[in-house]
Protein backbone atom coordinates (compact mmCIF):
# COMPACT_ATOMS: atom_id res chain seq x y z
CA UNK A 1 0.25 0.07 -0.02
CA UNK A 2 2.93 2.39 0.94
CA UNK A 3 4.60 1.65 -2.31
CA UNK A 4 1.43 2.18 -4.13
CA UNK A 5 0.76 5.82 -2.43
CA UNK A 6 4.44 6.47 -3.18
CA UNK A 7 3.95 5.85 -6.85
CA UNK A 8 0.83 7.97 -6.94
CA UNK A 9 2.73 10.86 -5.49
CA UNK A 10 5.59 10.63 -7.83
CA UNK A 11 3.26 10.45 -10.59
CA UNK A 12 1.20 13.49 -9.41
CA UNK A 13 4.52 15.47 -8.93
CA UNK A 14 5.51 14.53 -12.36
CA UNK A 15 2.33 15.81 -13.90
CA UNK A 16 2.33 19.04 -11.94
CA UNK A 17 6.01 19.40 -13.34
CA UNK A 18 4.91 18.98 -16.69
CA UNK A 19 1.87 21.19 -16.57
CA UNK A 20 3.47 23.97 -14.87
CA UNK A 21 5.77 26.53 -16.51
CA UNK A 22 7.95 29.15 -14.99
CA UNK A 23 8.07 31.29 -18.06
CA UNK A 24 5.35 33.20 -19.99
CA UNK A 25 4.20 36.41 -21.69
CA UNK A 26 5.79 38.09 -24.58
CA UNK A 27 7.74 40.87 -25.62
CA UNK A 28 6.08 42.75 -28.57
CA UNK A 29 8.24 45.60 -29.49
CA UNK A 30 9.88 45.15 -32.94
CA UNK A 31 13.64 44.28 -32.68
CA UNK A 32 15.99 41.68 -31.32
CA UNK A 33 13.90 40.94 -28.47
CA UNK A 34 10.67 40.48 -30.30
CA UNK A 35 8.69 37.54 -28.97
CA UNK A 36 10.97 36.70 -26.00
CA UNK A 37 9.04 35.61 -22.88
CA UNK A 38 9.40 36.40 -19.13
CA UNK A 39 10.22 34.27 -16.14
CA UNK A 40 9.82 35.21 -12.29
CA UNK A 41 13.19 36.50 -11.09
CA UNK A 42 14.36 35.90 -7.40
CA UNK A 43 13.57 38.38 -4.71
CA UNK A 44 16.65 40.30 -4.37
CA UNK A 45 15.60 43.44 -6.71
CA UNK A 46 12.13 43.21 -5.25
CA UNK A 47 13.46 43.68 -1.60
CA UNK A 48 15.70 46.62 -3.11
CA UNK A 49 12.39 48.03 -4.52
CA UNK A 50 10.97 47.82 -0.71
CA UNK A 51 13.90 49.84 0.56
CA UNK A 52 13.59 52.23 -2.12
CA UNK A 53 9.95 52.80 -1.08
CA UNK A 54 10.98 53.09 2.58
CA UNK A 55 13.73 55.66 2.10
CA UNK A 56 11.24 57.42 -0.40
CA UNK A 57 8.57 57.66 2.36
CA UNK A 58 11.13 58.77 5.08
CA UNK A 59 12.19 61.52 2.30
CA UNK A 60 15.75 60.28 2.77
CA UNK A 61 17.19 61.24 -0.48
CA UNK A 62 20.70 60.18 0.03
CA UNK A 63 19.49 56.55 1.22
CA UNK A 64 17.32 56.45 -1.62
CA UNK A 65 19.45 57.39 -4.70
CA UNK A 66 22.11 54.72 -3.68
CA UNK A 67 19.88 52.22 -5.39
CA UNK A 68 20.02 54.37 -8.58
CA UNK A 69 22.42 54.32 -11.68
CA UNK A 70 24.22 57.93 -11.61
CA UNK A 71 24.11 58.11 -15.37
CA UNK A 72 20.20 57.51 -15.03
CA UNK A 73 19.97 60.13 -12.40
CA UNK A 74 22.12 62.68 -14.24
CA UNK A 75 24.13 65.60 -13.28
CA UNK A 76 21.35 67.41 -11.30
CA UNK A 77 19.20 64.05 -10.48
CA UNK A 78 20.21 63.90 -6.59
CA UNK A 79 19.34 67.73 -5.99
CA UNK A 80 16.39 67.59 -8.07
CA UNK A 81 14.97 64.44 -6.32
CA UNK A 82 15.96 66.08 -2.86
CA UNK A 83 14.18 69.42 -3.74
CA UNK A 84 11.18 67.58 -4.76
CA UNK A 85 10.83 65.48 -1.60
CA UNK A 86 11.48 68.43 0.56
CA UNK A 87 8.77 70.24 -1.06
CA UNK A 88 6.22 67.98 0.94
CA UNK A 89 5.62 67.71 4.86
CA UNK A 90 5.27 63.95 4.38
CA UNK A 91 4.84 61.36 1.55
CA UNK A 92 3.98 57.68 2.00
CA UNK A 93 4.49 55.03 -0.57
CA UNK A 94 2.93 51.73 0.37
CA UNK A 95 3.28 48.78 -2.23
CA UNK A 96 0.65 45.93 -2.15
CA UNK A 97 1.98 44.12 -5.25
CA UNK A 98 5.72 43.66 -5.93
CA UNK A 99 6.56 41.23 -8.99
CA UNK A 100 10.26 40.74 -10.07
CA UNK A 101 10.58 39.32 -13.75
CA UNK A 102 13.60 38.71 -16.16
CA UNK A 103 13.09 38.71 -19.85
CA UNK A 104 14.62 35.70 -21.88
CA UNK A 105 18.41 36.44 -22.48
CA UNK A 106 18.56 39.61 -20.35
CA UNK A 107 20.67 40.19 -17.42
CA UNK A 108 18.37 43.07 -16.08
CA UNK A 109 15.52 42.62 -13.67
CA UNK A 110 12.38 44.45 -14.15
CA UNK A 111 10.25 44.99 -10.84
CA UNK A 112 6.71 45.76 -11.32
CA UNK A 113 4.92 47.55 -8.35
CA UNK A 114 1.58 48.42 -7.30
CA UNK A 115 1.17 50.98 -4.53
CA UNK A 116 -0.82 53.45 -2.67
CA UNK A 117 0.66 56.69 -2.43
CA UNK A 118 -0.10 59.96 -0.28
CA UNK A 119 1.59 63.26 -0.64
CA UNK A 120 0.94 66.25 1.57
CA UNK A 121 2.91 69.44 0.20
CA UNK A 122 4.14 72.21 2.20
CA UNK A 123 2.11 74.44 0.12
CA UNK A 124 -1.16 72.73 1.33
CA UNK A 125 -1.77 70.73 -1.72
CA UNK A 126 -2.67 67.02 -1.45
CA UNK A 127 -2.64 64.02 -3.78
CA UNK A 128 -3.82 60.54 -3.20
CA UNK A 129 -2.78 58.30 -5.91
CA UNK A 130 -2.86 54.47 -7.15
CA UNK A 131 0.37 53.61 -9.02
CA UNK A 132 1.68 51.07 -11.24
CA UNK A 133 5.28 51.53 -11.45
CA UNK A 134 8.00 49.83 -13.54
CA UNK A 135 11.84 49.71 -12.21
CA UNK A 136 14.49 48.12 -14.45
CA UNK A 137 17.37 47.10 -12.29
CA UNK A 138 20.38 46.55 -14.18
CA UNK A 139 23.13 43.81 -13.89
CA UNK A 140 24.66 46.04 -10.93
CA UNK A 141 21.52 46.02 -9.21
CA UNK A 142 20.92 49.83 -9.86
CA UNK A 143 17.70 51.43 -11.30
CA UNK A 144 18.33 52.81 -14.71
CA UNK A 145 14.94 53.01 -16.21
CA UNK A 146 11.58 53.94 -14.52
CA UNK A 147 8.00 54.45 -15.74
CA UNK A 148 5.04 55.49 -13.73
CA UNK A 149 1.16 54.88 -14.45
CA UNK A 150 -1.28 56.54 -12.13
CA UNK A 151 -5.03 56.36 -11.07
CA UNK A 152 -6.05 59.66 -9.28
CA UNK A 153 -8.15 59.36 -6.40
CA UNK A 154 -11.21 61.51 -5.98
CA UNK A 155 -9.99 63.16 -2.89
CA UNK A 156 -7.39 64.98 -4.64
CA UNK A 157 -7.12 68.70 -4.36
CA UNK A 158 -6.27 68.75 -7.97
CA UNK A 159 -7.68 66.90 -10.98
CA UNK A 160 -6.76 66.65 -14.61
CA UNK A 161 -10.20 68.00 -15.63
CA UNK A 162 -12.79 70.32 -14.31
CA UNK A 163 -14.95 73.54 -14.84
CA UNK A 164 -17.82 73.44 -17.33
CA UNK A 165 -18.07 74.56 -21.10
CA UNK A 166 -21.45 76.46 -21.54
CA UNK A 167 -21.50 77.55 -25.18
CA UNK A 168 -24.69 78.45 -27.08
CA UNK A 169 -28.05 77.28 -26.59
CA UNK A 170 -27.69 74.15 -29.02
CA UNK A 171 -23.89 73.67 -28.76
CA UNK A 172 -23.27 69.69 -28.75
CA UNK A 173 -20.41 70.09 -26.10
CA UNK A 174 -22.64 72.04 -23.54
CA UNK A 175 -22.00 70.76 -20.05
CA UNK A 176 -18.65 69.07 -20.74
CA UNK A 177 -15.50 69.68 -18.62
CA UNK A 178 -12.35 71.32 -19.81
CA UNK A 179 -8.89 69.48 -19.86
CA UNK A 180 -5.56 70.62 -20.55
CA UNK A 181 -4.24 70.69 -23.95
CA UNK A 182 -0.55 69.55 -24.78
CA UNK A 183 0.20 70.12 -28.36
CA UNK A 184 3.25 72.19 -27.66
CA UNK A 185 0.88 75.36 -27.31
CA UNK A 186 2.78 76.89 -24.44
CA UNK A 187 6.17 76.66 -26.11
CA UNK A 188 4.63 78.15 -29.10
CA UNK A 189 3.36 81.21 -27.12
CA UNK A 190 6.49 81.63 -25.18
CA UNK A 191 8.42 81.90 -28.57
CA UNK A 192 5.75 84.32 -29.93
CA UNK A 193 6.11 86.30 -26.87
CA UNK A 194 9.86 86.46 -27.56
CA UNK A 195 9.54 87.15 -31.25
CA UNK A 196 7.07 89.98 -30.45
CA UNK A 197 9.47 91.67 -28.00
CA UNK A 198 12.33 91.37 -30.61
CA UNK A 199 9.98 92.73 -33.13
CA UNK A 200 10.97 89.81 -35.61
CA UNK A 201 8.27 89.96 -37.90
CA UNK A 202 9.17 86.72 -39.91
CA UNK A 203 9.55 84.61 -36.81
CA UNK A 204 6.26 86.18 -35.02
CA UNK A 205 4.15 85.28 -38.10
CA UNK A 206 5.03 81.54 -38.28
CA UNK A 207 2.62 79.97 -35.78
CA UNK A 208 -0.30 82.06 -37.33
CA UNK A 209 -2.74 80.47 -40.03
CA UNK A 210 -2.71 82.01 -43.48
CA UNK A 211 -5.40 84.45 -42.41
CA UNK A 212 -6.22 85.12 -38.59
CA UNK A 213 -8.81 87.01 -36.96
CA UNK A 214 -7.53 89.55 -34.20
CA UNK A 215 -10.29 90.90 -31.84
CA UNK A 216 -8.79 93.66 -29.66
CA UNK A 217 -9.74 95.13 -26.35
CA UNK A 218 -11.76 98.00 -27.91
CA UNK A 219 -14.07 95.74 -29.90
CA UNK A 220 -12.27 95.99 -33.35
CA UNK A 221 -12.10 92.68 -35.22
CA UNK A 222 -9.81 92.35 -38.34
CA UNK A 223 -8.98 89.63 -40.65
CA UNK A 224 -4.98 89.84 -41.09
CA UNK A 225 -3.03 87.63 -43.58
CA UNK A 226 0.41 85.93 -42.35
CA UNK A 227 2.46 88.08 -44.63
CA UNK A 228 0.92 91.32 -43.61
CA UNK A 229 1.79 90.64 -39.75
CA UNK A 230 4.54 93.39 -40.11
CA UNK A 231 1.82 95.97 -40.22
CA UNK A 232 1.25 95.42 -36.38
CA UNK A 233 4.74 96.96 -35.78
CA UNK A 234 4.80 99.92 -38.05
CA UNK A 235 4.12 102.44 -35.36
CA UNK A 236 6.14 100.89 -32.57
CA UNK A 237 9.67 102.18 -31.29
CA UNK A 238 9.74 99.23 -29.03
CA UNK A 239 7.43 96.52 -27.13
CA UNK A 240 7.59 94.50 -23.98
CA UNK A 241 5.14 91.78 -23.43
CA UNK A 242 5.42 89.85 -20.16
CA UNK A 243 3.42 86.97 -19.48
CA UNK A 244 2.13 86.04 -16.11
CA UNK A 245 0.39 82.66 -17.12
CA UNK A 246 -0.10 80.40 -20.25
CA UNK A 247 -2.95 78.03 -19.81
CA UNK A 248 -3.83 75.80 -22.75
CA UNK A 249 -7.41 74.25 -22.56
CA UNK A 250 -9.74 72.18 -24.74
CA UNK A 251 -13.09 70.53 -24.19
CA UNK A 252 -13.16 67.10 -23.03
CA UNK A 253 -13.58 64.36 -25.57
CA UNK A 254 -13.55 66.66 -28.68
CA UNK A 255 -11.02 66.85 -31.31
CA UNK A 256 -7.46 68.56 -30.98
CA UNK A 257 -8.38 72.11 -31.31
CA UNK A 258 -7.67 74.28 -28.29
CA UNK A 259 -7.85 77.77 -26.66
CA UNK A 260 -4.90 79.18 -24.87
CA UNK A 261 -5.36 81.67 -22.18
CA UNK A 262 -2.63 84.07 -21.64
CA UNK A 263 -2.50 86.76 -18.73
CA UNK A 264 0.17 89.32 -19.15
CA UNK A 265 1.39 92.93 -19.07
CA UNK A 266 2.46 94.99 -22.14
CA UNK A 267 4.27 98.19 -22.75
CA UNK A 268 4.24 99.79 -26.22
CA UNK A 269 6.55 102.62 -26.87
CA UNK A 270 5.54 104.45 -29.94
CA UNK A 271 7.69 106.26 -32.54
CA UNK A 272 6.05 109.57 -31.71
CA UNK A 273 6.98 109.11 -27.80
CA UNK A 274 3.52 107.82 -26.78
CA UNK A 275 3.59 105.04 -24.04
CA UNK A 276 0.88 102.31 -23.77
CA UNK A 277 0.84 100.20 -20.83
CA UNK A 278 -2.17 97.59 -20.02
CA UNK A 279 -2.55 94.19 -18.10
CA UNK A 280 -4.11 91.78 -20.74
CA UNK A 281 -6.22 88.68 -20.82
CA UNK A 282 -6.08 86.97 -24.17
CA UNK A 283 -7.26 83.80 -25.80
CA UNK A 284 -5.36 82.21 -28.60
CA UNK A 285 -7.22 79.79 -30.75
CA UNK A 286 -5.23 76.82 -32.42
CA UNK A 287 -6.67 74.73 -35.12
CA UNK A 288 -6.22 71.10 -35.76
CA UNK A 289 -2.88 71.83 -37.52
CA UNK A 290 -1.69 73.79 -34.44
CA UNK A 291 -1.98 77.24 -36.12
CA UNK A 292 -3.42 80.05 -34.41
CA UNK A 293 -6.57 81.12 -36.24
CA UNK A 294 -7.84 84.08 -33.82
CA UNK A 295 -7.06 85.98 -30.75
CA UNK A 296 -9.60 87.72 -28.39
CA UNK A 297 -8.27 90.44 -26.33
CA UNK A 298 -9.43 91.97 -23.11
CA UNK A 299 -7.52 94.77 -21.33
CA UNK A 300 -7.43 96.86 -18.11
CA UNK A 301 -5.15 100.15 -17.40
CA UNK A 302 -2.64 100.04 -14.86
């Protein structure tokens, strides 16, 4: 009987070993590694991830960065990390899933981590996040790559969307929230301001559509061709446009057209000696091609 049971046990182990694999999944980026599988790695790098988490939560920059590759951190990485951590009264990273894996033929260990994180900033802001993160530990056991995906908790002070678009009576987008747009609008406006202050007509005209509509603070509306932009400067001796804020927005779940709000102060010195100085609120409308099609301006005297 014992011999029989022993045989059954050996058979069961053989079946389990035959039907269980220690690798799976597939890398699907085109290249030499395409199609390669993954296997569970040992816990050494997972343990390092937990030590990173602990140092991070204690805001101990020096202890935390010892686990990172210096090349990955770069010249200012340590001080940038320290500055960011010290911007908070407290921060808490609590991993609840940590999975170390290795790709076939790769010496590196990839650690996948799911965690809950809370951030209490010194300026009073607050973030509560559910994170999925990827840490690549190289053959020396140092992090040399990192990516993060997040789900924002509803208790956050800040969200990625908000407000409400009202529009006209029959507007199909009525009631939708607004979201930030990110098609390089901020950089375009920053360069537009620089070219305006330099009175560089050729560069200033580049971001505009072939014909743009300019609605000034006095209620005047005029269409102006790109090649005629120089006429805006004909009476000026110098200009100084100083932005306070640049805010690119679009309506949620619509096409890529956006409106960029710019709050600023502008001083114009005319050739006849007159000085014009106002605080401005302007909206620059970008079309699907990323060109400025119109501008609407509001102003107040200083």
